[in-house]
Protein backbone atom coordinates (compact mmCIF):
# COMPACT_ATOMS: atom_id res chain seq x y z
CA UNK A 1 136.67 76.59 82.13
CA UNK A 2 136.76 74.55 78.90
CA UNK A 3 136.12 71.32 80.77
CA UNK A 4 133.23 72.87 82.66
CA UNK A 5 131.66 74.06 79.45
CA UNK A 6 131.33 70.48 78.27
CA UNK A 7 128.91 69.71 81.10
CA UNK A 8 125.31 70.91 81.09
CA UNK A 9 124.77 70.48 84.83
CA UNK A 10 125.38 74.20 85.33
CA UNK A 11 122.32 74.93 83.17
CA UNK A 12 119.99 73.28 85.70
CA UNK A 13 118.26 75.96 87.78
CA UNK A 14 118.78 75.91 91.51
CA UNK A 15 115.86 77.96 92.82
CA UNK A 16 116.35 79.89 96.03
CA UNK A 17 112.67 79.42 96.82
CA UNK A 18 110.12 76.75 95.99
CA UNK A 19 107.14 79.08 96.31
CA UNK A 20 106.59 79.00 92.56
CA UNK A 21 102.99 78.58 91.33
CA UNK A 22 103.57 74.99 90.22
CA UNK A 23 104.74 74.16 93.74
CA UNK A 24 102.02 76.06 95.58
CA UNK A 25 98.79 75.37 93.70
CA UNK A 26 98.83 71.62 94.20
CA UNK A 27 96.04 71.29 96.76
CA UNK A 28 93.30 73.23 98.53
CA UNK A 29 95.76 74.65 101.07
CA UNK A 30 97.91 76.02 98.27
CA UNK A 31 94.97 77.81 96.65
CA UNK A 32 93.91 79.16 100.04
CA UNK A 33 97.40 80.61 100.50
CA UNK A 34 96.97 82.39 97.16
CA UNK A 35 93.74 83.91 98.39
CA UNK A 36 95.44 85.06 101.59
CA UNK A 37 97.79 87.09 99.42
CA UNK A 38 94.86 88.62 97.52
CA UNK A 39 93.15 89.54 100.78
CA UNK A 40 96.25 91.23 102.10
CA UNK A 41 96.59 93.23 98.88
CA UNK A 42 93.24 94.89 99.54
CA UNK A 43 95.13 97.08 102.05
CA UNK A 44 96.78 98.79 99.09
CA UNK A 45 93.78 101.07 98.69
CA UNK A 46 94.09 102.60 102.14
CA UNK A 47 97.65 102.17 103.44
CA UNK A 48 101.01 103.77 102.76
CA UNK A 49 102.58 107.10 101.84
CA UNK A 50 101.46 109.42 99.02
CA UNK A 51 103.10 107.40 96.26
CA UNK A 52 100.95 104.34 96.93
CA UNK A 53 97.90 105.56 98.86
CA UNK A 54 95.15 105.09 96.30
CA UNK A 55 92.29 106.26 98.52
CA UNK A 56 94.05 109.59 99.14
CA UNK A 57 94.57 109.92 95.39
CA UNK A 58 90.86 109.33 94.82
CA UNK A 59 89.97 112.36 96.93
CA UNK A 60 92.71 114.77 95.78
CA UNK A 61 91.05 115.59 92.46
CA UNK A 62 87.36 115.73 93.31
CA UNK A 63 84.63 118.12 94.40
CA UNK A 64 85.80 117.85 98.02
CA UNK A 65 89.52 118.57 97.94
CA UNK A 66 92.63 119.63 96.09
CA UNK A 67 96.10 118.12 95.85
CA UNK A 68 98.76 120.03 97.74
CA UNK A 69 101.47 118.13 95.88
CA UNK A 70 100.27 119.05 92.37
CA UNK A 71 97.13 121.15 92.05
CA UNK A 72 97.74 121.76 88.33
CA UNK A 73 96.58 118.58 86.61
CA UNK A 74 98.07 119.67 83.28
CA UNK A 75 101.44 118.83 84.80
CA UNK A 76 100.38 115.24 85.50
CA UNK A 77 101.66 113.70 82.28
CA UNK A 78 102.02 110.07 81.10
CA UNK A 79 105.75 110.36 81.72
CA UNK A 80 105.59 112.16 85.06
CA UNK A 81 107.29 110.03 87.65
CA UNK A 82 106.40 111.80 90.84
CA UNK A 83 107.90 110.21 93.91
CA UNK A 84 104.85 111.33 95.88
CA UNK A 85 102.06 110.71 93.38
CA UNK A 86 100.05 107.52 93.08
CA UNK A 87 98.64 108.38 89.63
CA UNK A 88 100.86 105.83 87.91
CA UNK A 89 101.14 103.35 90.76
CA UNK A 90 97.39 102.72 90.86
CA UNK A 91 97.63 101.49 87.28
CA UNK A 92 100.87 99.53 87.67
CA UNK A 93 100.13 97.88 91.00
CA UNK A 94 96.53 97.01 90.20
CA UNK A 95 97.79 94.76 87.43
CA UNK A 96 100.05 93.00 89.93
CA UNK A 97 97.02 92.27 92.10
CA UNK A 98 95.06 91.17 89.02
CA UNK A 99 97.96 88.88 88.09
CA UNK A 100 97.80 87.16 91.47
CA UNK A 101 94.06 86.56 91.13
CA UNK A 102 94.55 85.37 87.54
CA UNK A 103 97.07 82.77 88.69
CA UNK A 104 94.42 81.20 90.91
CA UNK A 105 91.79 81.42 88.17
CA UNK A 106 94.03 79.87 85.50
CA UNK A 107 95.25 77.03 87.72
CA UNK A 108 91.95 76.17 89.38
CA UNK A 109 91.56 72.99 87.30
CA UNK A 110 95.20 71.96 87.45
CA UNK A 111 94.23 69.60 90.27
CA UNK A 112 91.31 67.26 90.87
CA UNK A 113 88.81 68.58 93.38
CA UNK A 114 86.99 66.09 95.58
CA UNK A 115 84.36 68.72 96.34
CA UNK A 116 83.32 70.98 93.41
CA UNK A 117 81.82 73.46 95.89
CA UNK A 118 85.28 74.14 97.35
CA UNK A 119 86.69 74.66 93.87
CA UNK A 120 83.91 77.08 92.97
CA UNK A 121 84.23 79.00 96.23
CA UNK A 122 87.96 79.57 95.68
CA UNK A 123 87.42 80.51 92.03
CA UNK A 124 84.61 82.88 93.01
CA UNK A 125 86.72 84.70 95.56
CA UNK A 126 89.52 85.12 92.99
CA UNK A 127 86.94 86.52 90.54
CA UNK A 128 85.91 89.07 93.16
CA UNK A 129 89.45 90.29 93.79
CA UNK A 130 90.09 90.59 90.08
CA UNK A 131 86.80 92.42 89.57
CA UNK A 132 87.57 94.85 92.39
CA UNK A 133 90.82 96.03 90.81
CA UNK A 134 89.46 96.11 87.27
CA UNK A 135 86.52 98.19 88.49
CA UNK A 136 88.98 100.66 90.00
CA UNK A 137 91.00 100.76 86.77
CA UNK A 138 88.18 101.27 84.26
CA UNK A 139 86.74 104.06 86.41
CA UNK A 140 90.13 105.76 86.66
CA UNK A 141 91.66 105.21 83.22
CA UNK A 142 88.77 104.12 80.96
CA UNK A 143 89.78 101.66 78.21
CA UNK A 144 92.68 99.49 79.36
CA UNK A 145 94.24 96.15 78.44
CA UNK A 146 92.28 93.10 79.58
CA UNK A 147 94.35 90.28 81.05
CA UNK A 148 92.16 87.37 82.04
CA UNK A 149 94.65 84.58 82.59
CA UNK A 150 98.05 83.83 84.03
CA UNK A 151 100.85 84.91 81.71
CA UNK A 152 103.69 82.41 81.47
CA UNK A 153 105.64 84.10 78.66
CA UNK A 154 106.55 87.64 77.71
CA UNK A 155 103.72 89.49 75.96
CA UNK A 156 104.30 92.63 73.91
CA UNK A 157 101.11 92.86 71.88
CA UNK A 158 98.52 94.17 74.30
CA UNK A 159 95.57 96.12 72.98
CA UNK A 160 93.22 98.40 74.87
CA UNK A 161 89.86 96.84 75.59
CA UNK A 162 86.67 98.86 75.86
CA UNK A 163 85.68 99.80 79.39
CA UNK A 164 82.20 98.50 78.58
CA UNK A 165 83.50 95.07 77.51
CA UNK A 166 85.48 94.74 80.72
CA UNK A 167 82.49 95.74 82.86
CA UNK A 168 80.43 93.12 81.02
CA UNK A 169 82.98 90.44 81.85
CA UNK A 170 83.13 91.49 85.50
CA UNK A 171 79.35 91.26 85.69
CA UNK A 172 79.40 87.74 84.25
CA UNK A 173 82.15 86.63 86.66
CA UNK A 174 80.42 88.01 89.74
CA UNK A 175 77.04 86.56 88.78
CA UNK A 176 78.79 83.19 88.92
CA UNK A 177 80.60 84.06 92.16
CA UNK A 178 77.55 85.00 94.19
CA UNK A 179 76.19 81.47 93.75
CA UNK A 180 79.17 79.94 95.55
CA UNK A 181 80.27 82.27 98.31
CA UNK A 182 78.84 82.03 101.84
CA UNK A 183 76.70 84.65 103.55
CA UNK A 184 79.11 84.83 106.50
CA UNK A 185 82.91 84.50 106.30
CA UNK A 186 84.72 81.50 107.71
CA UNK A 187 87.46 83.92 108.83
CA UNK A 188 88.16 87.64 108.68
CA UNK A 189 89.14 88.84 105.23
CA UNK A 190 87.20 86.18 103.35
CA UNK A 191 84.86 87.41 100.64
CA UNK A 192 81.14 86.80 101.14
CA UNK A 193 78.01 86.79 99.03
CA UNK A 194 77.24 90.25 100.42
CA UNK A 195 80.56 91.66 99.18
CA UNK A 196 79.85 90.18 95.75
CA UNK A 197 76.37 91.67 95.57
CA UNK A 198 77.63 95.06 96.73
CA UNK A 199 80.28 95.17 94.00
CA UNK A 200 77.75 93.79 91.51
CA UNK A 201 75.44 96.68 92.42
CA UNK A 202 78.12 99.14 91.32
CA UNK A 203 78.78 97.21 88.12
CA UNK A 204 75.07 96.97 87.29
CA UNK A 205 74.83 100.73 87.80
CA UNK A 206 77.82 101.23 85.50
CA UNK A 207 76.18 99.01 82.88
CA UNK A 208 72.84 100.80 83.15
CA UNK A 209 71.03 97.72 84.50
CA UNK A 210 69.17 99.56 87.24
CA UNK A 211 66.64 96.85 88.11
CA UNK A 212 69.47 94.38 88.60
CA UNK A 213 71.30 96.93 90.76
CA UNK A 214 68.21 97.31 92.95
CA UNK A 215 67.89 93.53 93.23
CA UNK A 216 71.56 92.99 94.17
CA UNK A 217 71.52 95.84 96.72
CA UNK A 218 68.29 94.53 98.21
CA UNK A 219 69.87 91.12 98.77
CA UNK A 220 72.59 92.82 100.81
CA UNK A 221 70.17 95.04 102.73
CA UNK A 222 67.95 92.07 103.59
CA UNK A 223 70.71 90.50 105.62
CA UNK A 224 72.68 89.41 107.46
CA UNK A 225 73.67 93.10 107.71
CA UNK A 226 71.99 95.92 109.62
CA UNK A 227 72.92 99.55 110.27
CA UNK A 228 74.52 100.07 113.67
CA UNK A 229 72.28 102.20 115.87
CA UNK A 230 73.73 101.72 119.37
CA UNK A 231 77.10 102.60 120.86
CA UNK A 232 79.60 99.74 120.66
CA UNK A 233 83.24 98.75 120.75
CA UNK A 234 86.34 100.13 122.40
CA UNK A 235 85.01 103.55 123.42
CA UNK A 236 81.33 102.80 123.94
CA UNK A 237 81.48 103.92 127.58
CA UNK A 238 83.18 107.24 126.79
CA UNK A 239 80.21 109.60 126.86
CA UNK A 240 81.99 112.42 125.03
CA UNK A 241 81.88 110.46 121.76
CA UNK A 242 78.93 109.17 119.75
CA UNK A 243 77.91 106.28 117.53
CA UNK A 244 79.68 107.63 114.46
CA UNK A 245 82.93 107.73 116.43
CA UNK A 246 82.44 104.07 117.37
CA UNK A 247 81.70 103.09 113.79
CA UNK A 248 85.06 104.38 112.57
CA UNK A 249 87.45 103.07 115.19
CA UNK A 250 89.91 100.71 113.54
CA UNK A 251 89.40 98.29 116.43
CA UNK A 252 85.65 98.15 115.73
CA UNK A 253 85.48 97.70 111.97
CA UNK A 254 85.73 93.93 112.06
CA UNK A 255 84.08 93.33 115.42
CA UNK A 256 81.49 90.56 115.33
CA UNK A 257 78.94 92.97 116.83
CA UNK A 258 79.47 95.44 113.97
CA UNK A 259 76.63 94.25 111.76
CA UNK A 260 77.29 96.98 109.19
CA UNK A 261 80.59 95.68 107.83
CA UNK A 262 80.28 93.93 104.48
CA UNK A 263 83.98 93.77 103.76
CA UNK A 264 86.94 95.29 105.60
CA UNK A 265 90.66 94.76 105.36
CA UNK A 266 92.60 93.22 108.23
CA UNK A 267 95.78 94.91 109.47
CA UNK A 268 96.57 94.72 113.18
CA UNK A 269 99.27 96.57 115.09
CA UNK A 270 99.33 93.83 117.74
CA UNK A 271 100.31 91.19 115.20
CA UNK A 272 103.80 90.45 113.87
CA UNK A 273 105.15 93.18 111.54
CA UNK A 274 105.51 90.53 108.83
CA UNK A 275 101.70 90.50 108.60
CA UNK A 276 101.43 94.27 108.07
CA UNK A 277 100.78 95.62 104.61
CA UNK A 278 102.95 98.69 105.19
CA UNK A 279 105.33 98.97 108.13
CA UNK A 280 104.17 102.57 108.61
CA UNK A 281 100.44 101.85 108.51
CA UNK A 282 97.40 103.63 107.09
CA UNK A 283 98.84 107.18 107.03
CA UNK A 284 95.26 108.32 107.64
CA UNK A 285 96.29 111.12 110.01
CA UNK A 286 99.14 112.18 107.74
CA UNK A 287 97.34 112.50 104.41
CA UNK A 288 93.97 113.79 105.56
CA UNK A 289 94.88 116.16 108.41
CA UNK A 290 96.45 119.66 108.49
CA UNK A 291 99.96 120.56 109.62
CA UNK A 292 98.55 122.21 112.77
CA UNK A 293 101.82 121.28 114.53
CA UNK A 294 103.63 123.97 112.51
CA UNK A 295 101.64 126.80 114.11
CA UNK A 296 103.88 129.04 116.22
CA UNK A 297 103.46 130.81 119.53
CA UNK A 298 104.30 134.44 120.31
CA UNK A 299 108.03 133.63 120.51
CA UNK A 300 108.18 132.11 117.02
CA UNK A 301 108.57 128.57 118.34
CA UNK A 302 106.14 125.77 117.64
CA UNK A 303 103.21 125.98 120.00
CA UNK A 304 102.66 122.25 119.79
CA UNK A 305 104.20 119.40 117.81
CA UNK A 306 103.61 115.90 116.57
CA UNK A 307 105.65 114.47 119.48
CA UNK A 308 103.49 116.09 122.17
CA UNK A 309 100.33 114.84 123.81
CA UNK A 310 98.37 116.62 121.08
CA UNK A 311 100.34 114.82 118.38
CA UNK A 312 99.66 111.38 119.79
CA UNK A 313 95.97 111.96 119.26
CA UNK A 314 95.79 114.33 116.29
CA UNK A 315 98.68 113.02 114.20
CA UNK A 316 101.37 114.61 112.06
CA UNK A 317 99.19 115.82 109.21
CA UNK A 318 100.64 117.22 106.00
CA UNK A 319 97.39 118.08 104.15
CA UNK A 320 98.11 115.89 101.13
CA UNK A 321 94.34 115.87 100.67
CA UNK A 322 93.36 119.48 101.31
CA UNK A 323 89.60 119.54 101.78
CA UNK A 324 87.65 122.63 100.77
CA UNK A 325 85.03 124.93 102.22
CA UNK A 326 82.28 122.90 100.62
CA UNK A 327 83.18 119.76 102.52
CA UNK A 328 84.02 121.54 105.77
CA UNK A 329 81.08 123.96 105.90
CA UNK A 330 78.54 124.18 103.06
CA UNK A 331 77.81 120.45 102.89
CA UNK A 332 76.33 120.56 106.39
CA UNK A 333 74.16 123.65 105.90
CA UNK A 334 70.69 122.27 105.15
CA UNK A 335 67.14 122.41 106.49
CA UNK A 336 67.79 125.73 108.25
CA UNK A 337 70.88 124.36 109.99
CA UNK A 338 74.47 125.48 109.61
CA UNK A 339 77.63 123.45 109.97
CA UNK A 340 77.92 124.42 113.64
CA UNK A 341 74.24 123.90 114.52
CA UNK A 342 73.40 120.74 112.60
CA UNK A 343 72.21 117.77 114.67
CA UNK A 344 74.06 115.50 112.23
CA UNK A 345 76.38 113.31 114.32
CA UNK A 346 78.84 113.20 111.43
CA UNK A 347 79.56 116.90 111.95
CA UNK A 348 79.33 116.96 115.72
CA UNK A 349 81.96 118.79 117.74
CA UNK A 350 83.16 115.53 119.28
CA UNK A 351 83.99 114.15 115.84
CA UNK A 352 85.77 117.17 114.32
CA UNK A 353 88.70 119.36 115.28
CA UNK A 354 87.79 122.97 114.60
CA UNK A 355 90.29 125.49 113.33
CA UNK A 356 88.29 128.68 113.76
CA UNK A 357 88.51 132.11 112.20
CA UNK A 358 91.14 133.23 114.73
CA UNK A 359 91.89 130.37 117.12
CA UNK A 360 91.83 126.58 117.10
CA UNK A 361 90.45 123.91 119.38
CA UNK A 362 94.03 122.79 119.96
CA UNK A 363 95.98 124.15 122.93
CA UNK A 364 99.54 125.42 123.10
CA UNK A 365 101.49 122.78 125.02
CA UNK A 366 105.16 123.73 124.61
CA UNK A 367 106.83 123.99 127.98
CA UNK A 368 108.01 127.52 128.61
CA UNK A 369 105.72 129.07 126.03
CA UNK A 370 104.15 132.38 127.12
CA UNK A 371 100.96 131.06 125.52
CA UNK A 372 100.94 127.74 127.40
CA UNK A 373 97.37 126.49 127.70
CA UNK A 374 96.01 129.02 125.23
CA UNK A 375 94.43 127.93 121.94
CA UNK A 376 96.56 128.00 118.80
CA UNK A 377 96.27 131.43 117.19
CA UNK A 378 96.25 132.18 113.49
CA UNK A 379 97.99 135.51 114.11
CA UNK A 380 101.24 133.68 114.81
CA UNK A 381 101.39 132.08 111.38
CA UNK A 382 104.44 133.45 109.57
CA UNK A 383 102.47 133.87 106.34
CA UNK A 384 98.78 133.80 105.60
CA UNK A 385 99.37 131.29 102.82
CA UNK A 386 100.33 128.78 105.50
CA UNK A 387 96.65 128.38 106.33
CA UNK A 388 96.34 126.11 103.27
CA UNK A 389 98.41 123.40 104.90
CA UNK A 390 98.16 124.21 108.57
CA UNK A 391 94.74 125.68 109.26
CA UNK A 392 91.54 123.87 108.35
CA UNK A 393 89.00 121.85 110.30
CA UNK A 394 88.95 118.12 109.77
CA UNK A 395 86.88 115.00 110.67
CA UNK A 396 89.10 113.59 113.37
CA UNK A 397 86.75 110.64 113.88
CA UNK A 398 87.65 109.39 110.39
CA UNK A 399 91.41 110.03 110.50
CA UNK A 400 92.38 108.80 113.97
CA UNK A 401 94.28 105.51 113.91
CA UNK A 402 96.69 104.91 116.82
CA UNK A 403 100.32 104.58 115.76
CA UNK A 404 102.21 101.81 117.58
CA UNK A 405 105.59 102.59 119.06
CA UNK A 406 107.87 100.73 116.68
CA UNK A 407 111.34 101.22 115.22
CA UNK A 408 109.78 101.58 111.77
CA UNK A 409 108.24 105.01 112.26
CA UNK A 410 108.07 107.41 115.16
CA UNK A 411 105.63 110.04 113.94
CA UNK A 412 101.91 109.58 114.68
CA UNK A 413 100.86 109.35 111.06
CA UNK A 414 98.07 106.78 111.42
CA UNK A 415 99.17 103.27 112.24
CA UNK A 416 98.02 99.80 111.33
CA UNK A 417 94.28 99.32 111.28
CA UNK A 418 91.39 97.45 109.71
CA UNK A 419 89.62 99.55 107.08
CA UNK A 420 86.19 99.49 105.45
CA UNK A 421 85.99 98.52 101.81
CA UNK A 422 82.20 98.05 101.69
CA UNK A 423 79.73 99.08 104.39
CA UNK A 424 75.95 98.77 104.47
CA UNK A 425 75.38 102.53 104.55
CA UNK A 426 76.84 102.70 101.05
CA UNK A 427 74.56 99.89 99.87
CA UNK A 428 71.55 102.02 100.80
CA UNK A 429 73.00 104.97 98.88
CA UNK A 430 73.73 102.79 95.85
CA UNK A 431 70.16 101.50 95.81
CA UNK A 432 68.94 105.08 96.19
CA UNK A 433 70.95 105.97 93.11
CA UNK A 434 69.42 103.08 91.17
CA UNK A 435 65.95 104.29 92.17
CA UNK A 436 66.92 107.80 91.07
CA UNK A 437 67.87 106.59 87.59
CA UNK A 438 64.45 104.93 87.33
CA UNK A 439 62.67 108.10 88.43
CA UNK A 440 61.53 106.54 91.72
CA UNK A 441 62.64 109.41 93.91
CA UNK A 442 60.30 108.48 96.75
CA UNK A 443 62.02 105.13 97.21
CA UNK A 444 65.39 106.82 96.80
CA UNK A 445 64.52 109.27 99.60
CA UNK A 446 63.55 106.36 101.86
CA UNK A 447 66.96 104.75 101.43
CA UNK A 448 68.84 108.01 101.92
CA UNK A 449 66.80 108.67 105.05
CA UNK A 450 67.86 105.30 106.51
CA UNK A 451 71.39 106.62 106.57
CA UNK A 452 70.45 110.13 107.66
CA UNK A 453 68.12 108.97 110.43
CA UNK A 454 70.91 106.93 111.99
CA UNK A 455 73.14 110.03 111.89
CA UNK A 456 70.31 112.14 113.41
CA UNK A 457 70.35 114.37 110.33
CA UNK A 458 67.09 116.01 109.19
CA UNK A 459 65.16 113.77 106.82
CA UNK A 460 64.54 114.65 103.18
CA UNK A 461 61.59 114.41 100.79
CA UNK A 462 61.37 112.84 97.35
CA UNK A 463 61.64 116.31 95.82
CA UNK A 464 65.08 116.72 97.39
CA UNK A 465 66.55 113.73 95.56
CA UNK A 466 68.95 114.65 92.79
CA UNK A 467 72.20 113.11 91.62
CA UNK A 468 74.05 115.95 93.28
CA UNK A 469 72.24 115.30 96.55
CA UNK A 470 73.11 111.60 96.46
CA UNK A 471 76.77 112.51 96.10
CA UNK A 472 76.42 115.08 98.87
CA UNK A 473 75.22 112.29 101.10
CA UNK A 474 78.02 110.01 99.95
CA UNK A 475 80.46 112.76 100.97
CA UNK A 476 78.90 113.08 104.41
CA UNK A 477 78.81 109.34 105.03
CA UNK A 478 81.68 107.84 103.04
CA UNK A 479 84.56 110.32 103.28
CA UNK A 480 87.82 108.35 103.41
CA UNK A 481 85.98 105.16 102.47
CA UNK A 482 84.68 105.36 98.91
CA UNK A 483 87.06 105.80 95.97
CA UNK A 484 85.31 109.08 95.20
CA UNK A 485 86.92 109.86 91.87
CA UNK A 486 86.07 106.37 90.60
CA UNK A 487 82.44 106.72 91.65
CA UNK A 488 82.14 110.15 90.03
CA UNK A 489 83.62 108.78 86.79
CA UNK A 490 81.19 105.86 86.85
CA UNK A 491 78.22 108.23 87.09
CA UNK A 492 79.68 110.48 84.39
CA UNK A 493 79.76 107.59 81.93
CA UNK A 494 76.19 106.60 82.83
CA UNK A 495 74.89 110.12 82.21
CA UNK A 496 76.77 110.26 78.90
CA UNK A 497 75.50 106.85 77.80
CA UNK A 498 71.92 107.86 78.58
CA UNK A 499 72.35 111.22 76.85
CA UNK A 500 71.09 113.02 79.94
CA UNK A 501 71.60 116.68 80.85
CA UNK A 502 73.50 117.46 77.67
CA UNK A 503 76.17 114.79 78.14
CA UNK A 504 77.21 112.26 75.50
CA UNK A 505 79.82 109.55 75.06
CA UNK A 506 81.16 111.22 71.94
CA UNK A 507 81.75 114.48 73.80
CA UNK A 508 82.71 113.13 77.22
CA UNK A 509 86.28 114.45 77.09
CA UNK A 510 85.04 118.01 76.60
CA UNK A 511 81.97 117.93 78.85
CA UNK A 512 81.26 115.52 81.69
CA UNK A 513 79.46 115.48 85.02
CA UNK A 514 82.62 114.84 87.03
CA UNK A 515 84.26 118.05 85.87
CA UNK A 516 81.06 120.09 86.04
CA UNK A 517 80.45 119.06 89.65
CA UNK A 518 84.03 119.82 90.66
CA UNK A 519 83.74 123.28 89.12
CA UNK A 520 80.40 123.89 90.87
CA UNK A 521 81.53 123.03 94.38
CA UNK A 522 85.31 123.23 94.68
CA UNK A 523 86.41 126.78 95.42
CA UNK A 524 90.06 125.93 94.74
CA UNK A 525 89.29 125.98 91.00
CA UNK A 526 87.40 129.29 91.12
CA UNK A 527 88.81 132.81 90.94
CA UNK A 528 91.07 133.66 92.59
CA UNK A 529 92.59 130.30 91.64
CA UNK A 530 94.39 128.41 94.38
CA UNK A 531 98.19 128.59 94.08
CA UNK A 532 100.88 126.64 95.92
CA UNK A 533 104.48 125.60 95.24
CA UNK A 534 104.44 127.61 92.00
CA UNK A 535 101.39 125.76 90.65
CA UNK A 536 97.92 127.13 89.91
CA UNK A 537 94.89 124.90 90.45
CA UNK A 538 93.83 123.66 87.01
CA UNK A 539 91.48 120.83 86.09
CA UNK A 540 90.04 120.37 82.58
CA UNK A 541 87.18 118.09 81.45
CA UNK A 542 89.64 115.69 79.78
CA UNK A 543 91.26 115.09 83.18
CA UNK A 544 88.28 113.02 84.26
CA UNK A 545 90.36 110.03 83.11
CA UNK A 546 93.95 109.77 84.29
CA UNK A 547 96.97 109.22 82.00
CA UNK A 548 98.13 105.69 81.15
CA UNK A 549 101.81 105.40 82.18
CA UNK A 550 104.01 106.00 79.17
CA UNK A 551 106.39 103.26 80.30
CA UNK A 552 103.65 100.69 79.72
CA UNK A 553 102.81 102.02 76.26
CA UNK A 554 106.46 102.19 75.18
CA UNK A 555 107.23 98.63 76.32
CA UNK A 556 104.28 97.24 74.33
CA UNK A 557 106.19 97.16 71.04
CA UNK A 558 103.91 94.79 69.09
CA UNK A 559 100.51 96.22 70.01
CA UNK A 560 98.75 99.44 70.87
CA UNK A 561 97.73 100.50 74.36
CA UNK A 562 95.76 103.69 73.91
CA UNK A 563 96.45 106.92 75.75
CA UNK A 564 93.53 108.94 77.07
CA UNK A 565 92.51 112.05 75.16
CA UNK A 566 94.31 115.20 76.23
CA UNK A 567 97.63 113.52 77.00
CA UNK A 568 100.67 113.11 74.73
CA UNK A 569 100.37 110.05 72.51
CA UNK A 570 96.59 109.96 72.19
CA UNK A 571 96.92 110.82 68.50
CA UNK A 572 98.29 107.28 67.93
CA UNK A 573 95.24 105.54 69.38
CA UNK A 574 93.53 102.66 67.61
CA UNK A 575 89.93 101.46 68.12
CA UNK A 576 89.68 99.56 71.41
CA UNK A 577 88.60 95.93 71.41
CA UNK A 578 84.85 95.68 71.96
CA UNK A 579 84.87 92.08 73.19
CA UNK A 580 87.01 90.12 75.60
CA UNK A 581 89.46 87.99 73.55
């Protein structure tokens, strides 16, 4: 041992892998491989179980739903480490994805580029990925640390940066990016000029630059995208279904003939499992559907189950996102129509599974059951409270994603599948919102009607256009697509900044549009308050912004990462940085 200590050869590192940044980012192919990783990470928003499914999280605490796991938001603390909650993981993992984009950005000039256009295209796509995750963060947590470059050493002196400063930087980055990205992607998953302009539209809206938002949205709307208006894709010859069904099949989202897709993730069950983001898939049928398979028959046995024919199609739902009466019924009652008479294709019988007042659309299929062939009956539920998890109608056309037969998971929870990130219908609704802010409600109504006309919904007039109505339409069109909480927070800050409707930035933690809308429309937070698992549905105005993980704050020993108001530690806050360092 003494002799060995005299030699320094043992100090030389022997890496197990040479996929270190300095070995990868040495040519165009290396930078492209970095972008492939960023593209794959976009699946994080819409794949995985409760602990990492950010899209499910973004619906749990909104006007449309309630969280079965924890309906009392006062129990969601900075130190809460819930194995089934994504509240902390959205923050922690987003910074991992930002890190990977930053590595590309920081190293872009570490090599000599023979073609500056290639360099700028790669840099622009990395800017877009970074902007996407920062946009999610500032509209979930508010002021957060800004990291704009690759970190090569330990850093313990982070400071919170103003949400507004970060949005300003994202706007600057994307205004550069849209100059260098193509109108059509060279391959699936690549970012295009349209995806940049769509995200820019949201950022312009957040920054109160409504004319710029209209301009960016108009560039997208003018092409090469168009709303789909004819049946297409895998089920186009199945007459029972309609266009909205076609639009949301995972097999159709990235089809060349789908002219509505601006950006969608790529995750295919027929490819090698090593290419999948999560071995268990999207979990779309698990998180967003009811536990109908727990309903019993007259003998006290399950009338159906997830491993029956019904389960293959309907999934093994667990109601993680428990939608409310507003989304299921009231939202569709307009222009003298009710939810069950509306011509709106998005609420058609072929697209929803109805769990009625006494019986369901689902049949009893258990062999030997005295009720074989009969519809599921609510009277066989062991307790009326079980209706919360097991008995509610749901938009099957949005949740259905076939689950491949693999050794990784046997339940039909929603398998691998491409998923929309940005779709043209949302662009129209974003431009409508920009027109609304400018008081041009006639133009806003025209854009909203583009979406409604395609869905065969009754058209609206300029006098119908309100902020609430725009978000009603977003709910009808973009359920399970938009990060709804993020979009509601964005609008809440805009109203406060403009001083509209009694809102202000100084008082946003005690009064904001997000909370007011939730209280107006979500019956779970009204008397009698919803109760489950010993928790009572509670949501306060300060819960508009989610808690910063305490582990991050504690580890930052030489600086100050602020905690949001209303959570432990906020009394130690320091003024956030108002500019990007």
